[in-house]
Amino acid sequence: MCVPVDQSKLLTDDGLDLRTLAEALQRPLTLDPEHRVAALGASHHDRAAALASLEAPDFSLPDLSGQLPSLGEQRGKKVLLVAYASW
């Protein structure tokens, strides 16, 4: 993706300004300076398109027998997904 940005705002004495980059890309940014980790999320346009399609993203999880079925293998069938979180 080519995004026009003002290089003087993007590059600082400390390096690349990730907040400016995230704004230019229109993507959410999460920073953990203590661990020196940064993550860019999907743009709101991409998330909106995925929601509008009403199609769940493909993923695989192990079942009780250790097999690794994927959701994509179930396309065209009715599927019940049950999720649990202890928190």
N, C-alpha and C. Protein backbone atom coordinates (compact mmCIF):
# COMPACT_ATOMS: atom_id res chain seq x y z
N MET A 1 0.84 -1.16 0.00
CA MET A 1 0.00 0.00 0.00
C MET A 1 0.89 1.23 0.00
N CYS A 2 0.61 2.14 -0.85
CA CYS A 2 1.35 3.39 -0.93
C CYS A 2 0.51 4.49 -0.29
N VAL A 3 1.06 5.12 0.74
CA VAL A 3 0.33 6.15 1.47
C VAL A 3 1.19 7.40 1.51
N PRO A 4 0.72 8.51 0.96
CA PRO A 4 1.51 9.74 1.01
C PRO A 4 1.52 10.31 2.43
N VAL A 5 2.70 10.54 2.97
CA VAL A 5 2.85 11.13 4.30
C VAL A 5 3.95 12.18 4.27
N ASP A 6 3.88 13.08 5.20
CA ASP A 6 4.92 14.09 5.36
C ASP A 6 6.07 13.44 6.11
N GLN A 7 7.17 13.19 5.41
CA GLN A 7 8.30 12.47 5.99
C GLN A 7 8.83 13.18 7.24
N SER A 8 8.76 14.49 7.29
CA SER A 8 9.26 15.22 8.45
C SER A 8 8.43 14.92 9.70
N LYS A 9 7.16 14.54 9.51
CA LYS A 9 6.31 14.18 10.65
C LYS A 9 6.44 12.70 11.00
N LEU A 10 6.79 11.88 10.01
CA LEU A 10 6.86 10.43 10.21
C LEU A 10 8.16 10.00 10.87
N LEU A 11 9.25 10.67 10.55
CA LEU A 11 10.54 10.31 11.11
C LEU A 11 10.93 11.32 12.18
N THR A 12 11.30 10.81 13.36
CA THR A 12 11.71 11.66 14.47
C THR A 12 13.13 11.29 14.86
N ASP A 13 13.67 12.00 15.84
CA ASP A 13 15.01 11.68 16.34
C ASP A 13 15.05 10.28 16.95
N ASP A 14 13.90 9.82 17.46
CA ASP A 14 13.82 8.48 18.08
C ASP A 14 13.53 7.38 17.07
N GLY A 15 13.24 7.75 15.83
CA GLY A 15 12.93 6.76 14.80
C GLY A 15 11.59 7.04 14.15
N LEU A 16 10.86 5.99 13.84
CA LEU A 16 9.58 6.08 13.14
C LEU A 16 8.46 6.40 14.12
N ASP A 17 7.66 7.43 13.84
CA ASP A 17 6.53 7.79 14.68
C ASP A 17 5.35 6.90 14.28
N LEU A 18 5.12 5.86 15.06
CA LEU A 18 4.08 4.88 14.73
C LEU A 18 2.67 5.46 14.81
N ARG A 19 2.46 6.43 15.68
CA ARG A 19 1.13 7.03 15.76
C ARG A 19 0.78 7.76 14.46
N THR A 20 1.75 8.49 13.92
CA THR A 20 1.54 9.20 12.66
C THR A 20 1.29 8.19 11.53
N LEU A 21 2.06 7.12 11.52
CA LEU A 21 1.87 6.07 10.51
C LEU A 21 0.48 5.45 10.62
N ALA A 22 0.05 5.13 11.84
CA ALA A 22 -1.27 4.52 12.04
C ALA A 22 -2.37 5.47 11.57
N GLU A 23 -2.23 6.75 11.85
CA GLU A 23 -3.22 7.73 11.38
C GLU A 23 -3.25 7.78 9.86
N ALA A 24 -2.09 7.76 9.22
CA ALA A 24 -2.03 7.81 7.76
C ALA A 24 -2.67 6.57 7.14
N LEU A 25 -2.51 5.43 7.80
CA LEU A 25 -3.09 4.18 7.30
C LEU A 25 -4.53 3.98 7.74
N GLN A 26 -5.02 4.87 8.61
CA GLN A 26 -6.36 4.77 9.19
C GLN A 26 -6.57 3.42 9.86
N ARG A 27 -5.59 3.06 10.70
CA ARG A 27 -5.64 1.80 11.44
C ARG A 27 -5.43 2.06 12.92
N PRO A 28 -6.08 1.29 13.79
CA PRO A 28 -5.84 1.44 15.22
C PRO A 28 -4.45 0.94 15.58
N LEU A 29 -3.86 1.54 16.58
CA LEU A 29 -2.50 1.20 17.01
C LEU A 29 -2.49 0.89 18.50
N THR A 30 -1.82 -0.17 18.87
CA THR A 30 -1.60 -0.52 20.26
C THR A 30 -0.11 -0.56 20.51
N LEU A 31 0.33 0.12 21.57
CA LEU A 31 1.75 0.19 21.90
C LEU A 31 1.99 -0.35 23.31
N ASP A 32 3.08 -1.07 23.48
CA ASP A 32 3.56 -1.50 24.79
C ASP A 32 5.02 -1.10 24.87
N PRO A 33 5.30 0.15 25.26
CA PRO A 33 6.68 0.64 25.27
C PRO A 33 7.60 -0.18 26.18
N GLU A 34 7.06 -0.67 27.28
CA GLU A 34 7.88 -1.45 28.22
C GLU A 34 8.49 -2.68 27.55
N HIS A 35 7.69 -3.35 26.72
CA HIS A 35 8.17 -4.55 26.02
C HIS A 35 8.58 -4.27 24.59
N ARG A 36 8.51 -3.00 24.19
CA ARG A 36 8.91 -2.56 22.85
C ARG A 36 8.13 -3.32 21.77
N VAL A 37 6.81 -3.34 21.93
CA VAL A 37 5.92 -4.04 21.00
C VAL A 37 4.87 -3.07 20.49
N ALA A 38 4.58 -3.15 19.20
CA ALA A 38 3.52 -2.35 18.58
C ALA A 38 2.71 -3.25 17.67
N ALA A 39 1.40 -2.98 17.60
CA ALA A 39 0.53 -3.75 16.71
C ALA A 39 -0.44 -2.82 16.01
N LEU A 40 -0.54 -2.96 14.70
CA LEU A 40 -1.51 -2.22 13.90
C LEU A 40 -2.70 -3.13 13.63
N GLY A 41 -3.91 -2.63 13.89
CA GLY A 41 -5.11 -3.40 13.62
C GLY A 41 -5.61 -3.18 12.21
N ALA A 42 -6.66 -3.88 11.87
CA ALA A 42 -7.30 -3.71 10.56
C ALA A 42 -8.02 -2.37 10.52
N SER A 43 -8.08 -1.78 9.35
CA SER A 43 -8.75 -0.49 9.21
C SER A 43 -10.25 -0.66 9.42
N HIS A 44 -10.92 0.44 9.75
CA HIS A 44 -12.36 0.35 9.96
C HIS A 44 -13.08 -0.03 8.66
N HIS A 45 -12.50 0.32 7.51
CA HIS A 45 -13.10 -0.07 6.22
C HIS A 45 -13.06 -1.59 6.05
N ASP A 46 -11.91 -2.20 6.39
CA ASP A 46 -11.77 -3.66 6.28
C ASP A 46 -12.71 -4.37 7.26
N ARG A 47 -12.78 -3.86 8.49
CA ARG A 47 -13.66 -4.48 9.49
C ARG A 47 -15.12 -4.36 9.09
N ALA A 48 -15.51 -3.18 8.56
CA ALA A 48 -16.89 -2.98 8.13
C ALA A 48 -17.24 -3.91 6.97
N ALA A 49 -16.32 -4.08 6.03
CA ALA A 49 -16.57 -4.99 4.89
C ALA A 49 -16.73 -6.43 5.36
N ALA A 50 -15.91 -6.83 6.32
CA ALA A 50 -16.01 -8.20 6.85
C ALA A 50 -17.34 -8.41 7.57
N LEU A 51 -17.78 -7.42 8.33
CA LEU A 51 -19.06 -7.53 9.02
C LEU A 51 -20.22 -7.53 8.03
N ALA A 52 -20.13 -6.72 7.00
CA ALA A 52 -21.21 -6.64 6.01
C ALA A 52 -21.37 -7.94 5.24
N SER A 53 -20.28 -8.68 5.09
CA SER A 53 -20.36 -9.94 4.34
C SER A 53 -21.09 -11.03 5.12
N LEU A 54 -21.21 -10.86 6.43
CA LEU A 54 -21.83 -11.85 7.32
C LEU A 54 -21.15 -13.22 7.23
N GLU A 55 -19.91 -13.24 6.79
CA GLU A 55 -19.17 -14.50 6.69
C GLU A 55 -18.06 -14.51 7.74
N ALA A 56 -18.05 -15.54 8.55
CA ALA A 56 -17.04 -15.66 9.60
C ALA A 56 -15.68 -15.96 8.97
N PRO A 57 -14.62 -15.43 9.54
CA PRO A 57 -13.29 -15.74 9.02
C PRO A 57 -12.96 -17.22 9.27
N ASP A 58 -12.15 -17.77 8.41
CA ASP A 58 -11.76 -19.17 8.56
C ASP A 58 -10.77 -19.32 9.71
N PHE A 59 -10.96 -20.34 10.52
CA PHE A 59 -10.02 -20.65 11.58
C PHE A 59 -10.09 -22.14 11.87
N SER A 60 -9.08 -22.65 12.55
CA SER A 60 -9.02 -24.06 12.92
C SER A 60 -8.74 -24.18 14.41
N LEU A 61 -9.43 -25.12 15.04
CA LEU A 61 -9.21 -25.40 16.45
C LEU A 61 -9.27 -26.92 16.64
N PRO A 62 -8.46 -27.45 17.56
CA PRO A 62 -8.51 -28.90 17.78
C PRO A 62 -9.83 -29.31 18.44
N ASP A 63 -10.38 -30.46 17.99
CA ASP A 63 -11.58 -30.98 18.63
C ASP A 63 -11.17 -31.94 19.75
N LEU A 64 -12.15 -32.58 20.37
CA LEU A 64 -11.86 -33.46 21.51
C LEU A 64 -11.02 -34.68 21.14
N SER A 65 -11.04 -35.08 19.87
CA SER A 65 -10.25 -36.23 19.44
C SER A 65 -8.87 -35.83 18.91
N GLY A 66 -8.54 -34.53 18.97
CA GLY A 66 -7.23 -34.08 18.52
C GLY A 66 -7.16 -33.70 17.05
N GLN A 67 -8.26 -33.89 16.31
CA GLN A 67 -8.30 -33.49 14.90
C GLN A 67 -8.35 -31.97 14.83
N LEU A 68 -7.92 -31.42 13.69
CA LEU A 68 -7.89 -29.97 13.52
C LEU A 68 -8.83 -29.54 12.39
N PRO A 69 -10.15 -29.58 12.63
CA PRO A 69 -11.08 -29.15 11.58
C PRO A 69 -11.07 -27.63 11.46
N SER A 70 -11.41 -27.14 10.27
CA SER A 70 -11.48 -25.69 10.08
C SER A 70 -12.92 -25.30 9.79
N LEU A 71 -13.24 -24.06 10.08
CA LEU A 71 -14.57 -23.57 9.80
C LEU A 71 -14.84 -23.56 8.30
N GLY A 72 -13.81 -23.29 7.50
CA GLY A 72 -13.96 -23.27 6.05
C GLY A 72 -14.45 -24.59 5.47
N GLU A 73 -14.12 -25.70 6.15
CA GLU A 73 -14.57 -27.02 5.68
C GLU A 73 -16.08 -27.18 5.84
N GLN A 74 -16.69 -26.32 6.63
CA GLN A 74 -18.12 -26.42 6.91
C GLN A 74 -18.97 -25.46 6.08
N ARG A 75 -18.36 -24.76 5.13
CA ARG A 75 -19.10 -23.79 4.32
C ARG A 75 -20.31 -24.46 3.66
N GLY A 76 -21.44 -23.78 3.73
CA GLY A 76 -22.67 -24.31 3.14
C GLY A 76 -23.47 -25.16 4.11
N LYS A 77 -22.91 -25.45 5.29
CA LYS A 77 -23.60 -26.24 6.30
C LYS A 77 -23.96 -25.33 7.47
N LYS A 78 -24.96 -25.74 8.25
CA LYS A 78 -25.28 -25.01 9.46
C LYS A 78 -24.27 -25.41 10.53
N VAL A 79 -23.74 -24.41 11.23
CA VAL A 79 -22.71 -24.65 12.23
C VAL A 79 -23.08 -23.91 13.51
N LEU A 80 -22.95 -24.58 14.64
CA LEU A 80 -23.17 -23.96 15.94
C LEU A 80 -21.81 -23.83 16.60
N LEU A 81 -21.43 -22.60 16.92
CA LEU A 81 -20.16 -22.35 17.61
C LEU A 81 -20.48 -21.98 19.05
N VAL A 82 -19.85 -22.66 19.99
CA VAL A 82 -20.05 -22.37 21.41
C VAL A 82 -18.71 -21.88 21.94
N ALA A 83 -18.72 -20.72 22.56
CA ALA A 83 -17.49 -20.14 23.11
C ALA A 83 -17.63 -20.00 24.62
N TYR A 84 -16.51 -20.16 25.30
CA TYR A 84 -16.50 -20.05 26.76
C TYR A 84 -15.28 -19.28 27.18
N ALA A 85 -15.44 -18.41 28.14
CA ALA A 85 -14.31 -17.70 28.71
C ALA A 85 -14.50 -17.63 30.22
N SER A 86 -13.47 -17.92 30.97
CA SER A 86 -13.58 -17.93 32.42
C SER A 86 -13.52 -16.54 33.03
N TRP A 87 -13.09 -15.58 32.26
CA TRP A 87 -12.98 -14.23 32.81
C TRP A 87 -14.23 -13.48 32.59
